N, C-alpha and C. Protein backbone atom coordinates (compact mmCIF):
# COMPACT_ATOMS: atom_id res chain seq x y z
N MET A 1 5.28 -199.27 2.19
CA MET A 1 6.55 -198.92 2.77
C MET A 1 7.43 -198.32 1.67
N PRO A 2 8.15 -197.26 1.96
CA PRO A 2 8.98 -196.61 0.94
C PRO A 2 10.08 -197.51 0.40
N SER A 3 10.41 -197.29 -0.87
CA SER A 3 11.46 -198.05 -1.54
C SER A 3 12.71 -197.18 -1.67
N PHE A 4 13.85 -197.77 -1.35
CA PHE A 4 15.14 -197.09 -1.43
C PHE A 4 16.09 -197.97 -2.24
N ARG A 5 17.22 -197.39 -2.61
CA ARG A 5 18.27 -198.20 -3.22
C ARG A 5 19.62 -197.59 -2.87
N ILE A 6 20.61 -198.46 -2.80
CA ILE A 6 21.98 -198.01 -2.68
C ILE A 6 22.66 -198.36 -3.99
N THR A 7 23.33 -197.37 -4.55
CA THR A 7 24.10 -197.56 -5.77
C THR A 7 25.55 -197.33 -5.41
N LEU A 8 26.38 -198.31 -5.74
CA LEU A 8 27.77 -198.28 -5.34
C LEU A 8 28.66 -198.53 -6.55
N ILE A 9 29.64 -197.68 -6.77
CA ILE A 9 30.64 -197.89 -7.81
C ILE A 9 31.76 -198.71 -7.19
N ILE A 10 32.07 -199.84 -7.82
CA ILE A 10 33.04 -200.78 -7.27
C ILE A 10 34.38 -200.63 -7.98
N GLY A 11 35.42 -200.52 -7.16
CA GLY A 11 36.78 -200.44 -7.69
C GLY A 11 37.43 -201.82 -7.67
N ALA A 12 38.68 -201.87 -7.27
CA ALA A 12 39.45 -203.11 -7.28
C ALA A 12 38.92 -204.11 -6.27
N LEU A 13 38.97 -205.37 -6.65
CA LEU A 13 38.59 -206.45 -5.75
C LEU A 13 39.73 -206.74 -4.79
N ARG A 14 39.39 -207.20 -3.60
CA ARG A 14 40.39 -207.61 -2.63
C ARG A 14 41.02 -208.92 -3.12
N PRO A 15 42.26 -209.20 -2.73
CA PRO A 15 42.92 -210.44 -3.16
C PRO A 15 42.09 -211.68 -2.80
N GLY A 16 41.94 -212.57 -3.76
CA GLY A 16 41.21 -213.81 -3.54
C GLY A 16 39.70 -213.71 -3.68
N VAL A 17 39.18 -212.53 -3.93
CA VAL A 17 37.73 -212.34 -4.06
C VAL A 17 37.33 -212.52 -5.53
N THR A 18 36.29 -213.30 -5.75
CA THR A 18 35.78 -213.47 -7.11
C THR A 18 34.72 -212.41 -7.41
N PRO A 19 34.68 -211.93 -8.63
CA PRO A 19 33.71 -210.88 -8.98
C PRO A 19 32.26 -211.27 -8.68
N ASP A 20 31.93 -212.56 -8.86
CA ASP A 20 30.55 -212.97 -8.66
C ASP A 20 30.12 -213.07 -7.20
N SER A 21 31.03 -212.77 -6.26
CA SER A 21 30.66 -212.81 -4.84
C SER A 21 30.30 -211.43 -4.28
N VAL A 22 30.58 -210.38 -5.02
CA VAL A 22 30.39 -209.03 -4.49
C VAL A 22 28.91 -208.68 -4.34
N LEU A 23 28.12 -208.83 -5.38
CA LEU A 23 26.70 -208.46 -5.32
C LEU A 23 25.93 -209.32 -4.31
N PRO A 24 26.12 -210.65 -4.28
CA PRO A 24 25.43 -211.43 -3.24
C PRO A 24 25.81 -210.99 -1.81
N GLY A 25 27.06 -210.59 -1.61
CA GLY A 25 27.47 -210.09 -0.30
C GLY A 25 26.77 -208.80 0.06
N MET A 26 26.61 -207.91 -0.92
CA MET A 26 25.90 -206.66 -0.69
C MET A 26 24.44 -206.93 -0.35
N THR A 27 23.83 -207.82 -1.11
CA THR A 27 22.42 -208.16 -0.90
C THR A 27 22.21 -208.79 0.47
N ALA A 28 23.10 -209.68 0.86
CA ALA A 28 22.99 -210.32 2.18
C ALA A 28 23.12 -209.30 3.31
N ALA A 29 24.03 -208.33 3.13
CA ALA A 29 24.21 -207.30 4.17
C ALA A 29 22.94 -206.48 4.34
N ALA A 30 22.30 -206.12 3.24
CA ALA A 30 21.04 -205.36 3.33
C ALA A 30 19.94 -206.22 3.94
N ALA A 31 19.90 -207.50 3.57
CA ALA A 31 18.84 -208.39 4.04
C ALA A 31 18.93 -208.64 5.54
N GLU A 32 20.08 -208.38 6.16
CA GLU A 32 20.19 -208.52 7.62
C GLU A 32 19.32 -207.48 8.34
N LEU A 33 19.04 -206.35 7.67
CA LEU A 33 18.30 -205.26 8.30
C LEU A 33 16.90 -205.03 7.74
N THR A 34 16.66 -205.46 6.51
CA THR A 34 15.40 -205.10 5.85
C THR A 34 15.07 -206.09 4.74
N THR A 35 13.98 -205.83 4.04
CA THR A 35 13.58 -206.66 2.90
C THR A 35 14.25 -206.12 1.64
N VAL A 36 14.94 -206.99 0.93
CA VAL A 36 15.57 -206.62 -0.34
C VAL A 36 14.57 -206.89 -1.45
N GLU A 37 14.36 -205.88 -2.30
CA GLU A 37 13.41 -206.01 -3.41
C GLU A 37 14.09 -206.50 -4.69
N ALA A 38 15.32 -206.06 -4.93
CA ALA A 38 16.03 -206.43 -6.16
C ALA A 38 17.49 -206.05 -6.04
N SER A 39 18.30 -206.62 -6.91
CA SER A 39 19.71 -206.22 -6.98
C SER A 39 20.16 -206.35 -8.43
N ASP A 40 21.18 -205.58 -8.78
CA ASP A 40 21.63 -205.56 -10.17
C ASP A 40 23.09 -205.13 -10.22
N LEU A 41 23.79 -205.63 -11.21
CA LEU A 41 25.16 -205.24 -11.46
C LEU A 41 25.27 -204.86 -12.92
N ALA A 42 25.84 -203.70 -13.20
CA ALA A 42 25.99 -203.23 -14.57
C ALA A 42 27.35 -202.56 -14.72
N VAL A 43 27.79 -202.46 -15.96
CA VAL A 43 29.00 -201.70 -16.25
C VAL A 43 28.56 -200.40 -16.93
N VAL A 44 28.87 -199.28 -16.29
CA VAL A 44 28.48 -197.96 -16.78
C VAL A 44 29.73 -197.12 -16.92
N ALA A 45 29.98 -196.64 -18.11
CA ALA A 45 31.16 -195.81 -18.40
C ALA A 45 32.44 -196.50 -17.93
N GLY A 46 32.51 -197.82 -18.11
CA GLY A 46 33.70 -198.57 -17.77
C GLY A 46 33.86 -198.93 -16.32
N SER A 47 32.88 -198.60 -15.48
CA SER A 47 32.95 -198.91 -14.05
C SER A 47 31.83 -199.86 -13.66
N ALA A 48 32.14 -200.75 -12.71
CA ALA A 48 31.12 -201.66 -12.19
C ALA A 48 30.21 -200.89 -11.24
N ARG A 49 28.91 -200.96 -11.50
CA ARG A 49 27.93 -200.27 -10.66
C ARG A 49 26.94 -201.30 -10.12
N ALA A 50 26.94 -201.46 -8.81
CA ALA A 50 26.03 -202.41 -8.16
C ALA A 50 24.91 -201.63 -7.49
N THR A 51 23.69 -202.17 -7.60
CA THR A 51 22.52 -201.53 -7.01
C THR A 51 21.74 -202.56 -6.22
N VAL A 52 21.37 -202.21 -5.00
CA VAL A 52 20.51 -203.05 -4.18
C VAL A 52 19.31 -202.20 -3.79
N ARG A 53 18.11 -202.67 -4.15
CA ARG A 53 16.88 -201.97 -3.83
C ARG A 53 16.22 -202.64 -2.64
N PHE A 54 15.72 -201.83 -1.70
CA PHE A 54 15.19 -202.36 -0.46
C PHE A 54 14.10 -201.46 0.10
N THR A 55 13.39 -201.95 1.09
CA THR A 55 12.38 -201.14 1.77
C THR A 55 12.93 -200.68 3.11
N ALA A 56 12.43 -199.54 3.57
CA ALA A 56 12.79 -199.02 4.89
C ALA A 56 11.67 -198.09 5.35
N ASN A 57 11.51 -197.97 6.66
CA ASN A 57 10.46 -197.12 7.21
C ASN A 57 10.73 -195.64 7.00
N ASP A 58 12.01 -195.24 6.99
CA ASP A 58 12.35 -193.83 6.87
C ASP A 58 13.77 -193.68 6.34
N THR A 59 14.16 -192.44 6.10
CA THR A 59 15.48 -192.18 5.52
C THR A 59 16.62 -192.54 6.47
N GLY A 60 16.39 -192.41 7.77
CA GLY A 60 17.41 -192.79 8.74
C GLY A 60 17.75 -194.27 8.64
N MET A 61 16.71 -195.10 8.55
CA MET A 61 16.94 -196.53 8.40
C MET A 61 17.57 -196.84 7.05
N ALA A 62 17.16 -196.13 6.02
CA ALA A 62 17.73 -196.35 4.68
C ALA A 62 19.24 -196.06 4.68
N LEU A 63 19.64 -195.00 5.35
CA LEU A 63 21.06 -194.68 5.43
C LEU A 63 21.81 -195.72 6.24
N ARG A 64 21.18 -196.24 7.27
CA ARG A 64 21.80 -197.31 8.07
C ARG A 64 22.05 -198.55 7.21
N VAL A 65 21.05 -198.92 6.41
CA VAL A 65 21.20 -200.05 5.50
C VAL A 65 22.33 -199.76 4.51
N GLY A 66 22.35 -198.55 3.96
CA GLY A 66 23.40 -198.17 3.02
C GLY A 66 24.78 -198.29 3.62
N ARG A 67 24.96 -197.81 4.84
CA ARG A 67 26.27 -197.91 5.50
C ARG A 67 26.66 -199.36 5.74
N GLN A 68 25.69 -200.20 6.08
CA GLN A 68 26.00 -201.62 6.30
C GLN A 68 26.43 -202.29 5.00
N VAL A 69 25.77 -201.95 3.91
CA VAL A 69 26.14 -202.52 2.60
C VAL A 69 27.55 -202.07 2.22
N VAL A 70 27.87 -200.82 2.43
CA VAL A 70 29.21 -200.32 2.11
C VAL A 70 30.26 -201.04 2.96
N ALA A 71 29.99 -201.20 4.24
CA ALA A 71 30.93 -201.88 5.14
C ALA A 71 31.15 -203.32 4.69
N ALA A 72 30.09 -204.01 4.31
CA ALA A 72 30.22 -205.39 3.84
C ALA A 72 30.99 -205.45 2.52
N THR A 73 30.79 -204.47 1.68
CA THR A 73 31.49 -204.44 0.39
C THR A 73 32.98 -204.21 0.59
N GLN A 74 33.35 -203.41 1.56
CA GLN A 74 34.76 -203.12 1.81
C GLN A 74 35.57 -204.38 2.10
N ALA A 75 34.93 -205.42 2.58
CA ALA A 75 35.64 -206.68 2.83
C ALA A 75 35.96 -207.41 1.53
N ARG A 76 35.23 -207.10 0.46
CA ARG A 76 35.40 -207.79 -0.82
C ARG A 76 36.01 -206.93 -1.92
N ALA A 77 35.72 -205.64 -1.86
CA ALA A 77 36.15 -204.74 -2.93
C ALA A 77 36.26 -203.32 -2.42
N GLU A 78 36.87 -202.49 -3.23
CA GLU A 78 37.01 -201.07 -2.89
C GLU A 78 35.78 -200.30 -3.37
N PRO A 79 34.97 -199.76 -2.44
CA PRO A 79 33.85 -198.92 -2.87
C PRO A 79 34.37 -197.53 -3.22
N LEU A 80 34.23 -197.14 -4.48
CA LEU A 80 34.73 -195.84 -4.93
C LEU A 80 33.79 -194.71 -4.56
N SER A 81 32.50 -194.94 -4.71
CA SER A 81 31.49 -193.95 -4.31
C SER A 81 30.17 -194.69 -4.13
N TRP A 82 29.28 -194.07 -3.34
CA TRP A 82 27.97 -194.67 -3.12
C TRP A 82 26.95 -193.61 -2.80
N GLN A 83 25.68 -193.97 -3.05
CA GLN A 83 24.59 -193.04 -2.78
C GLN A 83 23.32 -193.84 -2.49
N VAL A 84 22.58 -193.38 -1.49
CA VAL A 84 21.27 -193.94 -1.19
C VAL A 84 20.23 -193.00 -1.77
N THR A 85 19.26 -193.58 -2.49
CA THR A 85 18.20 -192.79 -3.08
C THR A 85 16.84 -193.37 -2.68
N GLU A 86 15.82 -192.50 -2.71
CA GLU A 86 14.45 -192.90 -2.37
C GLU A 86 13.56 -192.74 -3.59
N ARG A 87 12.70 -193.71 -3.80
CA ARG A 87 11.76 -193.63 -4.91
C ARG A 87 10.52 -192.87 -4.48
N VAL A 88 10.22 -191.82 -5.23
CA VAL A 88 9.00 -191.04 -5.03
C VAL A 88 8.31 -191.00 -6.38
N LYS A 89 7.17 -191.71 -6.44
CA LYS A 89 6.45 -191.92 -7.70
C LYS A 89 7.40 -192.60 -8.68
N ALA A 90 7.72 -192.01 -9.79
CA ALA A 90 8.56 -192.69 -10.79
C ALA A 90 10.01 -192.21 -10.78
N ARG A 91 10.41 -191.42 -9.79
CA ARG A 91 11.76 -190.86 -9.76
C ARG A 91 12.53 -191.25 -8.50
N TRP A 92 13.85 -191.23 -8.61
CA TRP A 92 14.72 -191.52 -7.49
C TRP A 92 15.39 -190.23 -7.03
N TYR A 93 15.32 -189.94 -5.72
CA TYR A 93 15.88 -188.73 -5.15
C TYR A 93 16.94 -189.07 -4.10
N PRO A 94 18.04 -188.34 -4.07
CA PRO A 94 19.10 -188.61 -3.07
C PRO A 94 18.57 -188.44 -1.64
N VAL A 95 19.02 -189.33 -0.77
CA VAL A 95 18.69 -189.26 0.65
C VAL A 95 19.85 -188.56 1.34
N ARG A 96 19.55 -187.62 2.20
CA ARG A 96 20.61 -186.88 2.93
C ARG A 96 20.42 -187.01 4.41
C-alpha cells in the first residue's frame, strides 16, 4: 500500500493548549481514517514542523486524511501551511 505523509507548519497555539498535545492530536485524526506509520515534530528555520506518515489506497484518500489532520490541528493550533506528499521509491512527491 502506498505511503503518504502530511507535513504541517504550526503557528500559534490556541489558548490553553499545551505544545505536547498537538502532534498526538494530529496522529489520532489520521488514525481515524487509516494506518499511521510514524509521526515527528521538528523545528526547521525557527518554525514547528509536524509530520504524520500514513498509508492510503490512492491520492484521493491521502488528501482526505490530510484535510482531516488539518481540521483537527485547527482546534489546537494555527496551521500556517501544509502539504501531502507520496513516497515513490526513495523520494517524496507532492500530491495534487
